[in-house]
């Protein structure tokens, strides 16, 4: 069993964007990054949850985070561009991107899955991850040692009955991650993987856009 304890200032001065930061893995990861010195950009749909996390981080004495209300289901291309411009203007670069936001969708046989439900899962879990990554890559390349992290799942490597659009979306994320890892240079190796809080779910890091997860 590998036991690793990160030094308190491991992420000092780093700027890290976390999607789905309002609860669950996203909130836990954001707090962990902040506890190790990072300025965390809290992106999510529900501003109330983000503000609550903001207060927790501030009260703990960690670097001041930023709250970014952003709806990944409905965001248009120009809104991603505006997000990138805001990050560049406020922070100058981006050192890390954690793709945590995802929805499960109905647990049902594919033949019974509606097109609307399928498209919604793919929009949030895959399309938004692509749009964020492609839009923010120029800012990540300004960092001396940037990382991109995708949350994945065992059902994204071995399909299982009744996991529907969620499994398909995680297969797609694995493919997106692998293609990026093969194409993109200039993002140095390294990254952080949040712990799995749900059975079958894990985080896979891409630093140098390399895979660093199991």
N, C-alpha and C. Protein backbone atom coordinates (compact mmCIF):
# COMPACT_ATOMS: atom_id res chain seq x y z
N UNK A 1 0.85 -1.19 0.00
CA UNK A 1 0.00 0.00 0.00
C UNK A 1 0.88 1.24 0.00
N UNK A 2 0.70 2.09 -1.01
CA UNK A 2 1.51 3.30 -1.12
C UNK A 2 0.88 4.40 -0.28
N UNK A 3 1.65 4.94 0.65
CA UNK A 3 1.15 5.97 1.55
C UNK A 3 1.87 7.27 1.26
N UNK A 4 1.15 8.24 0.75
CA UNK A 4 1.75 9.51 0.36
C UNK A 4 1.06 10.65 1.09
N UNK A 5 1.84 11.51 1.69
CA UNK A 5 1.30 12.70 2.35
C UNK A 5 1.90 13.92 1.66
N UNK A 6 1.05 14.72 1.05
CA UNK A 6 1.51 15.90 0.34
C UNK A 6 1.97 16.97 1.32
N UNK A 7 3.04 17.65 0.97
CA UNK A 7 3.50 18.73 1.84
C UNK A 7 2.48 19.87 1.81
N UNK A 8 2.39 20.64 2.88
CA UNK A 8 1.33 21.66 3.00
C UNK A 8 1.34 22.70 1.88
N UNK A 9 2.52 23.02 1.34
CA UNK A 9 2.59 24.07 0.32
C UNK A 9 2.74 23.50 -1.09
N UNK A 10 2.33 22.26 -1.30
CA UNK A 10 2.53 21.59 -2.58
C UNK A 10 1.96 22.39 -3.76
N UNK A 11 0.81 23.01 -3.56
CA UNK A 11 0.14 23.72 -4.65
C UNK A 11 0.17 25.24 -4.47
N UNK A 12 1.08 25.72 -3.64
CA UNK A 12 1.16 27.16 -3.38
C UNK A 12 1.34 27.94 -4.68
N UNK A 13 0.49 28.95 -4.85
CA UNK A 13 0.59 29.79 -6.03
C UNK A 13 -0.07 29.24 -7.27
N UNK A 14 -0.59 28.01 -7.21
CA UNK A 14 -1.24 27.41 -8.37
C UNK A 14 -2.68 27.90 -8.49
N UNK A 15 -3.15 27.95 -9.72
CA UNK A 15 -4.54 28.31 -10.02
C UNK A 15 -5.20 27.08 -10.64
N UNK A 16 -6.23 26.56 -9.97
CA UNK A 16 -6.86 25.31 -10.39
C UNK A 16 -8.36 25.50 -10.52
N UNK A 17 -8.90 25.11 -11.67
CA UNK A 17 -10.34 25.17 -11.90
C UNK A 17 -10.96 23.80 -11.64
N UNK A 18 -12.01 23.77 -10.84
CA UNK A 18 -12.73 22.54 -10.52
C UNK A 18 -14.17 22.68 -10.98
N UNK A 19 -14.62 21.78 -11.85
CA UNK A 19 -16.02 21.80 -12.26
C UNK A 19 -16.84 20.91 -11.33
N UNK A 20 -18.11 21.24 -11.20
CA UNK A 20 -18.94 20.49 -10.26
C UNK A 20 -18.42 20.64 -8.85
N UNK A 21 -17.99 21.85 -8.51
CA UNK A 21 -17.29 22.08 -7.24
C UNK A 21 -18.23 22.21 -6.05
N UNK A 22 -19.52 22.27 -6.28
CA UNK A 22 -20.43 22.57 -5.20
C UNK A 22 -20.63 21.46 -4.18
N UNK A 23 -20.34 20.22 -4.57
CA UNK A 23 -20.57 19.12 -3.63
C UNK A 23 -19.75 17.91 -4.04
N UNK A 24 -19.77 16.88 -3.20
CA UNK A 24 -19.15 15.60 -3.54
C UNK A 24 -17.66 15.68 -3.78
N UNK A 25 -17.20 14.92 -4.78
CA UNK A 25 -15.78 14.87 -5.12
C UNK A 25 -15.26 16.27 -5.44
N UNK A 26 -16.04 17.05 -6.17
CA UNK A 26 -15.58 18.39 -6.54
C UNK A 26 -15.30 19.27 -5.35
N UNK A 27 -16.20 19.28 -4.38
CA UNK A 27 -16.00 20.09 -3.18
C UNK A 27 -14.82 19.58 -2.37
N UNK A 28 -14.72 18.26 -2.23
CA UNK A 28 -13.60 17.68 -1.47
C UNK A 28 -12.27 17.99 -2.12
N UNK A 29 -12.22 17.88 -3.45
CA UNK A 29 -10.98 18.18 -4.17
C UNK A 29 -10.63 19.65 -4.05
N UNK A 30 -11.62 20.52 -4.20
CA UNK A 30 -11.36 21.95 -4.11
C UNK A 30 -10.79 22.33 -2.75
N UNK A 31 -11.36 21.77 -1.70
CA UNK A 31 -10.85 22.06 -0.35
C UNK A 31 -9.44 21.52 -0.17
N UNK A 32 -9.18 20.34 -0.72
CA UNK A 32 -7.84 19.77 -0.61
C UNK A 32 -6.82 20.61 -1.36
N UNK A 33 -7.18 21.05 -2.56
CA UNK A 33 -6.27 21.90 -3.32
C UNK A 33 -5.99 23.20 -2.56
N UNK A 34 -7.05 23.81 -2.03
CA UNK A 34 -6.89 25.06 -1.28
C UNK A 34 -6.04 24.86 -0.04
N UNK A 35 -6.23 23.73 0.63
CA UNK A 35 -5.47 23.44 1.85
C UNK A 35 -3.98 23.32 1.57
N UNK A 36 -3.64 22.99 0.32
CA UNK A 36 -2.23 22.87 -0.05
C UNK A 36 -1.74 24.09 -0.83
N UNK A 37 -2.48 25.20 -0.72
CA UNK A 37 -1.97 26.48 -1.21
C UNK A 37 -2.51 26.97 -2.52
N UNK A 38 -3.40 26.23 -3.17
CA UNK A 38 -3.89 26.65 -4.48
C UNK A 38 -4.99 27.69 -4.38
N UNK A 39 -5.04 28.55 -5.38
CA UNK A 39 -6.21 29.39 -5.59
C UNK A 39 -7.18 28.60 -6.45
N UNK A 40 -8.33 28.28 -5.89
CA UNK A 40 -9.26 27.38 -6.56
C UNK A 40 -10.41 28.17 -7.19
N UNK A 41 -10.68 27.88 -8.45
CA UNK A 41 -11.80 28.47 -9.16
C UNK A 41 -12.95 27.48 -9.10
N UNK A 42 -13.99 27.85 -8.38
CA UNK A 42 -15.11 26.96 -8.09
C UNK A 42 -16.19 27.14 -9.14
N UNK A 43 -16.27 26.21 -10.07
CA UNK A 43 -17.24 26.31 -11.16
C UNK A 43 -18.38 25.32 -10.93
N UNK A 44 -19.60 25.80 -11.06
CA UNK A 44 -20.74 24.92 -10.89
C UNK A 44 -22.03 25.62 -11.26
N UNK A 45 -23.10 24.86 -11.25
CA UNK A 45 -24.41 25.38 -11.66
C UNK A 45 -25.11 26.13 -10.53
N UNK A 46 -24.95 25.65 -9.29
CA UNK A 46 -25.71 26.19 -8.16
C UNK A 46 -24.84 27.15 -7.36
N UNK A 47 -25.12 28.44 -7.49
CA UNK A 47 -24.28 29.45 -6.85
C UNK A 47 -24.31 29.34 -5.33
N UNK A 48 -25.45 28.95 -4.77
CA UNK A 48 -25.55 28.84 -3.31
C UNK A 48 -24.54 27.83 -2.76
N UNK A 49 -24.42 26.68 -3.42
CA UNK A 49 -23.46 25.66 -2.97
C UNK A 49 -22.04 26.16 -3.11
N UNK A 50 -21.77 26.86 -4.20
CA UNK A 50 -20.43 27.39 -4.42
C UNK A 50 -20.08 28.44 -3.36
N UNK A 51 -21.04 29.29 -3.03
CA UNK A 51 -20.79 30.31 -2.00
C UNK A 51 -20.53 29.68 -0.64
N UNK A 52 -21.24 28.60 -0.35
CA UNK A 52 -21.02 27.90 0.92
C UNK A 52 -19.59 27.36 0.98
N UNK A 53 -19.14 26.76 -0.12
CA UNK A 53 -17.77 26.24 -0.16
C UNK A 53 -16.76 27.37 -0.09
N UNK A 54 -17.05 28.47 -0.77
CA UNK A 54 -16.19 29.65 -0.71
C UNK A 54 -15.98 30.07 0.74
N UNK A 55 -17.08 30.14 1.49
CA UNK A 55 -16.99 30.55 2.90
C UNK A 55 -16.15 29.57 3.71
N UNK A 56 -16.32 28.27 3.46
CA UNK A 56 -15.54 27.26 4.18
C UNK A 56 -14.04 27.45 3.93
N UNK A 57 -13.69 27.68 2.68
CA UNK A 57 -12.28 27.84 2.32
C UNK A 57 -11.71 29.12 2.94
N UNK A 58 -12.46 30.19 2.88
CA UNK A 58 -12.02 31.46 3.47
C UNK A 58 -11.85 31.34 4.98
N UNK A 59 -12.83 30.72 5.64
CA UNK A 59 -12.79 30.59 7.10
C UNK A 59 -11.62 29.71 7.55
N UNK A 60 -11.19 28.80 6.69
CA UNK A 60 -10.06 27.94 7.03
C UNK A 60 -8.73 28.66 6.86
N UNK A 61 -8.75 29.85 6.29
CA UNK A 61 -7.53 30.61 6.11
C UNK A 61 -6.74 30.24 4.88
N UNK A 62 -7.38 29.55 3.94
CA UNK A 62 -6.70 29.16 2.70
C UNK A 62 -6.77 30.32 1.70
N UNK A 63 -6.03 30.24 0.59
CA UNK A 63 -6.08 31.31 -0.40
C UNK A 63 -7.52 31.57 -0.87
N UNK A 64 -7.81 32.83 -1.12
CA UNK A 64 -9.17 33.22 -1.51
C UNK A 64 -9.55 32.55 -2.83
N UNK A 65 -10.64 31.80 -2.84
CA UNK A 65 -11.08 31.15 -4.08
C UNK A 65 -11.91 32.12 -4.92
N UNK A 66 -12.39 31.64 -6.04
CA UNK A 66 -13.29 32.42 -6.89
C UNK A 66 -14.50 31.56 -7.23
N UNK A 67 -15.68 32.16 -7.21
CA UNK A 67 -16.92 31.46 -7.54
C UNK A 67 -17.29 31.77 -8.99
N UNK A 68 -17.53 30.72 -9.77
CA UNK A 68 -17.89 30.88 -11.18
C UNK A 68 -19.18 30.11 -11.46
N UNK A 69 -20.33 30.76 -11.36
CA UNK A 69 -21.58 30.10 -11.74
C UNK A 69 -21.56 29.85 -13.26
N UNK A 70 -21.79 28.60 -13.65
CA UNK A 70 -21.66 28.25 -15.07
C UNK A 70 -22.47 27.00 -15.32
N UNK A 71 -23.40 27.06 -16.26
CA UNK A 71 -24.27 25.92 -16.55
C UNK A 71 -23.71 25.15 -17.74
N UNK A 72 -23.10 24.01 -17.48
CA UNK A 72 -22.48 23.21 -18.53
C UNK A 72 -23.50 22.60 -19.48
N UNK A 73 -24.73 22.51 -19.06
CA UNK A 73 -25.77 21.93 -19.92
C UNK A 73 -26.21 22.90 -21.02
N UNK A 74 -26.19 24.18 -20.72
CA UNK A 74 -26.73 25.16 -21.67
C UNK A 74 -25.70 26.14 -22.22
N UNK A 75 -24.47 26.11 -21.73
CA UNK A 75 -23.46 27.10 -22.13
C UNK A 75 -23.18 27.03 -23.63
N UNK A 76 -23.05 28.20 -24.24
CA UNK A 76 -22.73 28.31 -25.66
C UNK A 76 -21.25 28.61 -25.83
N UNK A 77 -20.77 28.48 -27.07
CA UNK A 77 -19.34 28.63 -27.34
C UNK A 77 -18.80 29.97 -26.84
N UNK A 78 -19.55 31.04 -27.06
CA UNK A 78 -19.05 32.36 -26.66
C UNK A 78 -18.92 32.48 -25.14
N UNK A 79 -19.71 31.70 -24.39
CA UNK A 79 -19.61 31.75 -22.93
C UNK A 79 -18.33 31.06 -22.45
N UNK A 80 -17.90 30.03 -23.15
CA UNK A 80 -16.61 29.41 -22.83
C UNK A 80 -15.48 30.39 -23.12
N UNK A 81 -15.59 31.10 -24.24
CA UNK A 81 -14.57 32.10 -24.57
C UNK A 81 -14.52 33.20 -23.51
N UNK A 82 -15.68 33.63 -23.05
CA UNK A 82 -15.74 34.66 -22.00
C UNK A 82 -15.14 34.15 -20.69
N UNK A 83 -15.37 32.88 -20.39
CA UNK A 83 -14.79 32.28 -19.19
C UNK A 83 -13.27 32.29 -19.28
N UNK A 84 -12.74 31.88 -20.42
CA UNK A 84 -11.28 31.86 -20.60
C UNK A 84 -10.70 33.27 -20.49
N UNK A 85 -11.38 34.24 -21.07
CA UNK A 85 -10.90 35.62 -21.00
C UNK A 85 -10.90 36.13 -19.57
N UNK A 86 -11.93 35.78 -18.82
CA UNK A 86 -12.00 36.20 -17.42
C UNK A 86 -10.85 35.60 -16.61
N UNK A 87 -10.58 34.32 -16.81
CA UNK A 87 -9.49 33.67 -16.07
C UNK A 87 -8.16 34.30 -16.44
N UNK A 88 -7.96 34.58 -17.72
CA UNK A 88 -6.70 35.20 -18.14
C UNK A 88 -6.56 36.59 -17.54
N UNK A 89 -7.62 37.37 -17.55
CA UNK A 89 -7.55 38.73 -17.02
C UNK A 89 -7.31 38.75 -15.51
N UNK A 90 -7.94 37.82 -14.79
CA UNK A 90 -7.86 37.82 -13.34
C UNK A 90 -6.63 37.09 -12.80
N UNK A 91 -6.21 36.03 -13.49
CA UNK A 91 -5.17 35.17 -12.93
C UNK A 91 -3.96 34.98 -13.85
N UNK A 92 -4.09 35.30 -15.12
CA UNK A 92 -2.94 35.26 -16.02
C UNK A 92 -2.64 33.91 -16.64
N UNK A 93 -3.10 32.85 -16.01
CA UNK A 93 -2.82 31.50 -16.50
C UNK A 93 -3.72 30.53 -15.76
N UNK A 94 -3.60 29.25 -16.12
CA UNK A 94 -4.31 28.19 -15.41
C UNK A 94 -3.34 27.03 -15.23
N UNK A 95 -3.20 26.54 -14.00
CA UNK A 95 -2.26 25.46 -13.71
C UNK A 95 -2.91 24.09 -13.66
N UNK A 96 -4.20 24.05 -13.46
CA UNK A 96 -4.86 22.76 -13.36
C UNK A 96 -6.33 22.86 -13.69
N UNK A 97 -6.86 21.77 -14.25
CA UNK A 97 -8.28 21.69 -14.61
C UNK A 97 -8.79 20.32 -14.20
N UNK A 98 -9.73 20.29 -13.27
CA UNK A 98 -10.36 19.04 -12.84
C UNK A 98 -11.76 18.96 -13.41
N UNK A 99 -11.95 18.02 -14.34
CA UNK A 99 -13.27 17.76 -14.91
C UNK A 99 -14.02 16.81 -13.98
N UNK A 100 -14.76 17.38 -13.06
CA UNK A 100 -15.50 16.56 -12.10
C UNK A 100 -17.00 16.53 -12.39
N UNK A 101 -17.53 17.60 -12.96
CA UNK A 101 -18.98 17.69 -13.18
C UNK A 101 -19.46 16.55 -14.07
N UNK A 102 -20.51 15.89 -13.63
CA UNK A 102 -21.11 14.80 -14.41
C UNK A 102 -22.47 14.48 -13.84
N UNK A 103 -23.32 13.90 -14.68
CA UNK A 103 -24.60 13.38 -14.21
C UNK A 103 -24.70 11.91 -14.58
N UNK A 104 -25.44 11.17 -13.79
CA UNK A 104 -25.59 9.73 -14.02
C UNK A 104 -26.62 9.43 -15.10
N UNK A 105 -27.71 10.15 -15.11
CA UNK A 105 -28.78 9.84 -16.04
C UNK A 105 -29.54 8.60 -15.60
N UNK A 106 -30.57 8.21 -16.33
CA UNK A 106 -31.38 7.05 -15.94
C UNK A 106 -30.58 5.75 -16.02
N UNK A 107 -30.71 4.92 -14.99
CA UNK A 107 -30.14 3.57 -15.01
C UNK A 107 -31.18 2.66 -15.67
N UNK A 108 -31.07 2.49 -16.97
CA UNK A 108 -32.09 1.78 -17.73
C UNK A 108 -31.47 1.12 -18.94
N UNK A 109 -32.07 0.08 -19.51
CA UNK A 109 -31.54 -0.50 -20.75
C UNK A 109 -31.48 0.56 -21.84
N UNK A 110 -30.48 0.45 -22.70
CA UNK A 110 -30.32 1.44 -23.76
C UNK A 110 -31.55 1.53 -24.65
N UNK A 111 -32.19 0.40 -24.91
CA UNK A 111 -33.35 0.43 -25.79
C UNK A 111 -34.52 1.20 -25.20
N UNK A 112 -34.49 1.43 -23.90
CA UNK A 112 -35.55 2.19 -23.24
C UNK A 112 -35.12 3.63 -22.90
N UNK A 113 -33.90 3.97 -23.25
CA UNK A 113 -33.37 5.30 -22.92
C UNK A 113 -33.83 6.31 -23.96
N UNK A 114 -34.41 7.39 -23.51
CA UNK A 114 -34.87 8.41 -24.46
C UNK A 114 -33.70 9.18 -25.05
N UNK A 115 -33.90 9.69 -26.25
CA UNK A 115 -32.86 10.48 -26.89
C UNK A 115 -32.52 11.73 -26.09
N UNK A 116 -33.53 12.34 -25.50
CA UNK A 116 -33.28 13.55 -24.71
C UNK A 116 -32.39 13.26 -23.51
N UNK A 117 -32.65 12.16 -22.81
CA UNK A 117 -31.82 11.80 -21.66
C UNK A 117 -30.40 11.46 -22.08
N UNK A 118 -30.27 10.75 -23.20
CA UNK A 118 -28.93 10.41 -23.69
C UNK A 118 -28.15 11.67 -24.03
N UNK A 119 -28.77 12.58 -24.76
CA UNK A 119 -28.08 13.79 -25.18
C UNK A 119 -27.71 14.68 -23.99
N UNK A 120 -28.55 14.71 -22.97
CA UNK A 120 -28.26 15.53 -21.79
C UNK A 120 -27.01 15.01 -21.08
N UNK A 121 -26.92 13.69 -20.90
CA UNK A 121 -25.75 13.12 -20.24
C UNK A 121 -24.50 13.40 -21.06
N UNK A 122 -24.57 13.21 -22.36
CA UNK A 122 -23.40 13.44 -23.21
C UNK A 122 -23.00 14.92 -23.21
N UNK A 123 -23.98 15.80 -23.17
CA UNK A 123 -23.68 17.24 -23.16
C UNK A 123 -22.87 17.62 -21.93
N UNK A 124 -23.32 17.19 -20.77
CA UNK A 124 -22.66 17.58 -19.52
C UNK A 124 -21.36 16.81 -19.31
N UNK A 125 -21.38 15.52 -19.59
CA UNK A 125 -20.23 14.68 -19.25
C UNK A 125 -19.12 14.73 -20.30
N UNK A 126 -19.47 14.94 -21.56
CA UNK A 126 -18.47 14.86 -22.64
C UNK A 126 -18.29 16.20 -23.36
N UNK A 127 -19.38 16.70 -23.93
CA UNK A 127 -19.25 17.92 -24.75
C UNK A 127 -18.68 19.09 -23.95
N UNK A 128 -19.17 19.25 -22.72
CA UNK A 128 -18.68 20.35 -21.89
C UNK A 128 -17.21 20.16 -21.54
N UNK A 129 -16.80 18.92 -21.29
CA UNK A 129 -15.39 18.66 -20.99
C UNK A 129 -14.51 19.01 -22.18
N UNK A 130 -14.98 18.66 -23.38
CA UNK A 130 -14.22 19.03 -24.59
C UNK A 130 -14.15 20.55 -24.74
N UNK A 131 -15.28 21.22 -24.60
CA UNK A 131 -15.30 22.66 -24.78
C UNK A 131 -14.40 23.37 -23.78
N UNK A 132 -14.47 22.96 -22.53
CA UNK A 132 -13.62 23.58 -21.51
C UNK A 132 -12.14 23.33 -21.81
N UNK A 133 -11.81 22.09 -22.12
CA UNK A 133 -10.41 21.75 -22.37
C UNK A 133 -9.86 22.52 -23.56
N UNK A 134 -10.58 22.49 -24.67
CA UNK A 134 -10.08 23.15 -25.87
C UNK A 134 -9.98 24.66 -25.68
N UNK A 135 -10.93 25.24 -24.96
CA UNK A 135 -10.91 26.69 -24.74
C UNK A 135 -9.81 27.11 -23.77
N UNK A 136 -9.54 26.26 -22.78
CA UNK A 136 -8.59 26.63 -21.73
C UNK A 136 -7.16 26.15 -21.99
N UNK A 137 -6.95 25.35 -23.02
CA UNK A 137 -5.59 24.86 -23.30
C UNK A 137 -4.57 25.99 -23.45
N UNK A 138 -4.88 27.09 -24.14
CA UNK A 138 -3.89 28.16 -24.22
C UNK A 138 -3.46 28.69 -22.86
N UNK A 139 -4.39 28.78 -21.91
CA UNK A 139 -4.04 29.23 -20.56
C UNK A 139 -3.25 28.18 -19.81
N UNK A 140 -3.57 26.92 -20.02
CA UNK A 140 -2.81 25.84 -19.38
C UNK A 140 -1.38 25.82 -19.89
N UNK A 141 -1.19 26.14 -21.15
CA UNK A 141 0.15 26.13 -21.72
C UNK A 141 1.01 27.28 -21.20
N UNK A 142 0.38 28.27 -20.57
CA UNK A 142 1.15 29.36 -19.96
C UNK A 142 1.74 28.96 -18.61
N UNK A 143 1.27 27.84 -18.07
CA UNK A 143 1.78 27.35 -16.80
C UNK A 143 3.08 26.57 -17.01
N UNK A 144 3.93 26.61 -16.00
CA UNK A 144 5.18 25.84 -16.08
C UNK A 144 4.95 24.35 -15.90
N UNK A 145 3.84 23.97 -15.28
CA UNK A 145 3.62 22.55 -14.97
C UNK A 145 2.13 22.31 -14.79
N UNK A 146 1.39 22.32 -15.89
CA UNK A 146 -0.07 22.21 -15.81
C UNK A 146 -0.53 20.76 -15.88
N UNK A 147 -1.73 20.53 -15.38
CA UNK A 147 -2.35 19.21 -15.41
C UNK A 147 -3.82 19.32 -15.74
N UNK A 148 -4.32 18.33 -16.45
CA UNK A 148 -5.75 18.19 -16.70
C UNK A 148 -6.18 16.86 -16.12
N UNK A 149 -7.29 16.86 -15.39
CA UNK A 149 -7.76 15.65 -14.72
C UNK A 149 -9.20 15.37 -15.16
N UNK A 150 -9.42 14.15 -15.61
CA UNK A 150 -10.77 13.70 -15.95
C UNK A 150 -11.23 12.71 -14.90
N UNK A 151 -12.46 12.83 -14.44
CA UNK A 151 -13.02 11.78 -13.60
C UNK A 151 -13.60 10.70 -14.51
N UNK A 152 -13.25 9.47 -14.19
CA UNK A 152 -13.66 8.36 -15.02
C UNK A 152 -14.39 7.33 -14.18
N UNK A 153 -14.62 6.16 -14.75
CA UNK A 153 -15.39 5.12 -14.07
C UNK A 153 -15.04 3.77 -14.65
N UNK A 154 -15.18 2.74 -13.84
CA UNK A 154 -14.94 1.38 -14.34
C UNK A 154 -15.88 1.03 -15.48
N UNK A 155 -17.10 1.61 -15.48
CA UNK A 155 -18.03 1.32 -16.57
C UNK A 155 -17.68 2.10 -17.83
N UNK A 156 -16.65 2.93 -17.76
CA UNK A 156 -16.12 3.60 -18.93
C UNK A 156 -14.98 2.84 -19.57
N UNK A 157 -14.64 1.70 -19.00
CA UNK A 157 -13.62 0.82 -19.58
C UNK A 157 -14.18 -0.56 -19.90
N UNK A 158 -15.17 -0.97 -19.17
CA UNK A 158 -15.85 -2.23 -19.42
C UNK A 158 -17.35 -1.97 -19.28
N UNK A 159 -18.05 -2.00 -20.41
CA UNK A 159 -19.47 -1.70 -20.38
C UNK A 159 -20.26 -2.67 -19.52
N UNK A 160 -21.25 -2.15 -18.81
CA UNK A 160 -22.11 -2.98 -17.97
C UNK A 160 -23.57 -2.62 -18.23
N UNK A 161 -24.41 -3.63 -18.15
CA UNK A 161 -25.83 -3.44 -18.41
C UNK A 161 -26.42 -2.38 -17.49
N UNK A 162 -27.32 -1.61 -18.06
CA UNK A 162 -28.15 -0.64 -17.33
C UNK A 162 -27.40 0.61 -16.88
N UNK A 163 -26.14 0.74 -17.30
CA UNK A 163 -25.43 1.98 -16.98
C UNK A 163 -25.62 3.02 -18.08
N UNK A 164 -26.27 2.65 -19.14
CA UNK A 164 -26.78 3.57 -20.14
C UNK A 164 -25.82 4.63 -20.64
N UNK A 165 -26.35 5.85 -20.75
CA UNK A 165 -25.58 6.96 -21.30
C UNK A 165 -24.37 7.30 -20.45
N UNK A 166 -24.44 7.06 -19.15
CA UNK A 166 -23.31 7.37 -18.28
C UNK A 166 -22.08 6.57 -18.70
N UNK A 167 -22.26 5.26 -18.91
CA UNK A 167 -21.14 4.42 -19.34
C UNK A 167 -20.60 4.88 -20.69
N UNK A 168 -21.49 5.17 -21.62
CA UNK A 168 -21.06 5.64 -22.94
C UNK A 168 -20.27 6.94 -22.80
N UNK A 169 -20.74 7.83 -21.95
CA UNK A 169 -20.05 9.11 -21.77
C UNK A 169 -18.66 8.93 -21.18
N UNK A 170 -18.50 7.96 -20.29
CA UNK A 170 -17.19 7.75 -19.69
C UNK A 170 -16.23 7.07 -20.66
N UNK A 171 -16.75 6.20 -21.54
CA UNK A 171 -15.92 5.69 -22.63
C UNK A 171 -15.44 6.86 -23.49
N UNK A 172 -16.33 7.79 -23.78
CA UNK A 172 -15.97 8.95 -24.59
C UNK A 172 -14.92 9.81 -23.90
N UNK A 173 -15.05 10.00 -22.59
CA UNK A 173 -14.06 10.79 -21.85
C UNK A 173 -12.70 10.11 -21.86
N UNK A 174 -12.69 8.78 -21.73
CA UNK A 174 -11.42 8.05 -21.82
C UNK A 174 -10.78 8.30 -23.19
N UNK A 175 -11.59 8.26 -24.25
CA UNK A 175 -11.05 8.51 -25.59
C UNK A 175 -10.55 9.93 -25.75
N UNK A 176 -11.31 10.90 -25.25
CA UNK A 176 -10.89 12.29 -25.30
C UNK A 176 -9.56 12.47 -24.59
N UNK A 177 -9.44 11.87 -23.43
CA UNK A 177 -8.21 11.97 -22.65
C UNK A 177 -7.03 11.37 -23.40
N UNK A 178 -7.23 10.20 -24.01
CA UNK A 178 -6.14 9.52 -24.70
C UNK A 178 -5.69 10.29 -25.94
N UNK A 179 -6.64 10.84 -26.69
CA UNK A 179 -6.29 11.62 -27.87
C UNK A 179 -5.52 12.87 -27.47
N UNK A 180 -5.98 13.56 -26.42
CA UNK A 180 -5.26 14.73 -25.94
C UNK A 180 -3.84 14.38 -25.50
N UNK A 181 -3.73 13.25 -24.81
CA UNK A 181 -2.41 12.83 -24.32
C UNK A 181 -1.45 12.58 -25.48
N UNK A 182 -1.99 12.12 -26.61
CA UNK A 182 -1.15 11.81 -27.76
C UNK A 182 -0.84 13.05 -28.60
N UNK A 183 -1.69 14.05 -28.50
CA UNK A 183 -1.55 15.24 -29.35
C UNK A 183 -0.83 16.41 -28.71
N UNK A 184 -1.08 16.64 -27.44
CA UNK A 184 -0.71 17.92 -26.83
C UNK A 184 0.65 17.83 -26.15
N UNK A 185 1.51 18.77 -26.49
CA UNK A 185 2.80 18.91 -25.83
C UNK A 185 2.82 20.25 -25.10
N UNK A 186 3.80 20.39 -24.22
CA UNK A 186 3.97 21.67 -23.54
C UNK A 186 3.26 21.77 -22.21
N UNK A 187 2.53 20.72 -21.83
CA UNK A 187 1.94 20.68 -20.49
C UNK A 187 2.69 19.62 -19.72
N UNK A 188 3.43 20.05 -18.70
CA UNK A 188 4.35 19.14 -18.03
C UNK A 188 3.63 18.08 -17.23
N UNK A 189 4.36 17.04 -16.87
CA UNK A 189 3.78 15.91 -16.15
C UNK A 189 3.48 16.26 -14.70
N UNK A 190 2.45 15.63 -14.19
CA UNK A 190 2.07 15.83 -12.80
C UNK A 190 0.59 16.10 -12.71
N UNK A 191 0.05 15.89 -11.54
CA UNK A 191 -1.38 16.13 -11.36
C UNK A 191 -1.84 15.60 -10.02
N UNK A 192 -3.07 15.85 -9.73
CA UNK A 192 -3.66 15.36 -8.49
C UNK A 192 -4.93 14.61 -8.82
N UNK A 193 -5.13 13.48 -8.14
CA UNK A 193 -6.32 12.66 -8.36
C UNK A 193 -7.17 12.67 -7.12
N UNK A 194 -8.39 13.17 -7.18
CA UNK A 194 -9.26 13.11 -6.00
C UNK A 194 -9.65 11.69 -5.71
N UNK A 195 -9.93 11.35 -4.46
CA UNK A 195 -10.30 9.99 -4.11
C UNK A 195 -11.68 9.65 -4.63
N UNK A 196 -11.92 8.36 -4.86
CA UNK A 196 -13.23 7.91 -5.31
C UNK A 196 -14.19 7.85 -4.14
N UNK A 197 -15.34 8.48 -4.28
CA UNK A 197 -16.35 8.46 -3.23
C UNK A 197 -17.52 7.55 -3.59
N UNK A 198 -17.54 7.07 -4.84
CA UNK A 198 -18.63 6.21 -5.27
C UNK A 198 -18.04 4.96 -5.89
N UNK A 199 -18.62 3.79 -5.67
CA UNK A 199 -18.10 2.55 -6.25
C UNK A 199 -17.98 2.68 -7.76
N UNK A 200 -16.83 2.26 -8.28
CA UNK A 200 -16.64 2.25 -9.72
C UNK A 200 -16.22 3.58 -10.30
N UNK A 201 -16.04 4.58 -9.48
CA UNK A 201 -15.68 5.90 -9.97
C UNK A 201 -14.30 6.28 -9.47
N UNK A 202 -13.49 6.85 -10.36
CA UNK A 202 -12.16 7.27 -9.96
C UNK A 202 -11.79 8.50 -10.77
N UNK A 203 -10.65 9.06 -10.46
CA UNK A 203 -10.15 10.18 -11.25
C UNK A 203 -8.90 9.74 -11.97
N UNK A 204 -8.77 10.12 -13.23
CA UNK A 204 -7.61 9.77 -14.02
C UNK A 204 -6.90 11.05 -14.42
N UNK A 205 -5.65 11.19 -14.04
CA UNK A 205 -4.93 12.44 -14.28
C UNK A 205 -4.24 12.40 -15.62
N UNK A 206 -4.20 13.54 -16.25
CA UNK A 206 -3.45 13.70 -17.48
C UNK A 206 -2.50 14.85 -17.27
N UNK A 207 -1.23 14.54 -17.11
CA UNK A 207 -0.25 15.58 -16.97
C UNK A 207 0.75 15.39 -18.08
N UNK A 208 1.03 16.37 -18.82
CA UNK A 208 1.81 16.28 -20.01
C UNK A 208 0.95 15.69 -21.04
N UNK A 209 -0.12 15.81 -20.80
CA UNK A 209 -1.43 15.19 -20.83
C UNK A 209 -1.22 13.68 -20.81
N UNK A 210 -0.50 13.18 -19.85
CA UNK A 210 -0.31 11.74 -19.71
C UNK A 210 -1.29 11.20 -18.69
N UNK A 211 -1.60 9.93 -18.80
CA UNK A 211 -2.50 9.30 -17.85
C UNK A 211 -1.72 8.91 -16.61
N UNK A 212 -2.26 9.28 -15.45
CA UNK A 212 -1.58 8.96 -14.20
C UNK A 212 -2.50 8.22 -13.25
N UNK A 213 -3.57 7.68 -13.78
CA UNK A 213 -4.52 6.96 -12.95
C UNK A 213 -4.54 5.49 -13.27
N UNK A 214 -5.21 4.68 -12.41
CA UNK A 214 -5.19 3.25 -12.57
C UNK A 214 -6.15 2.74 -13.58
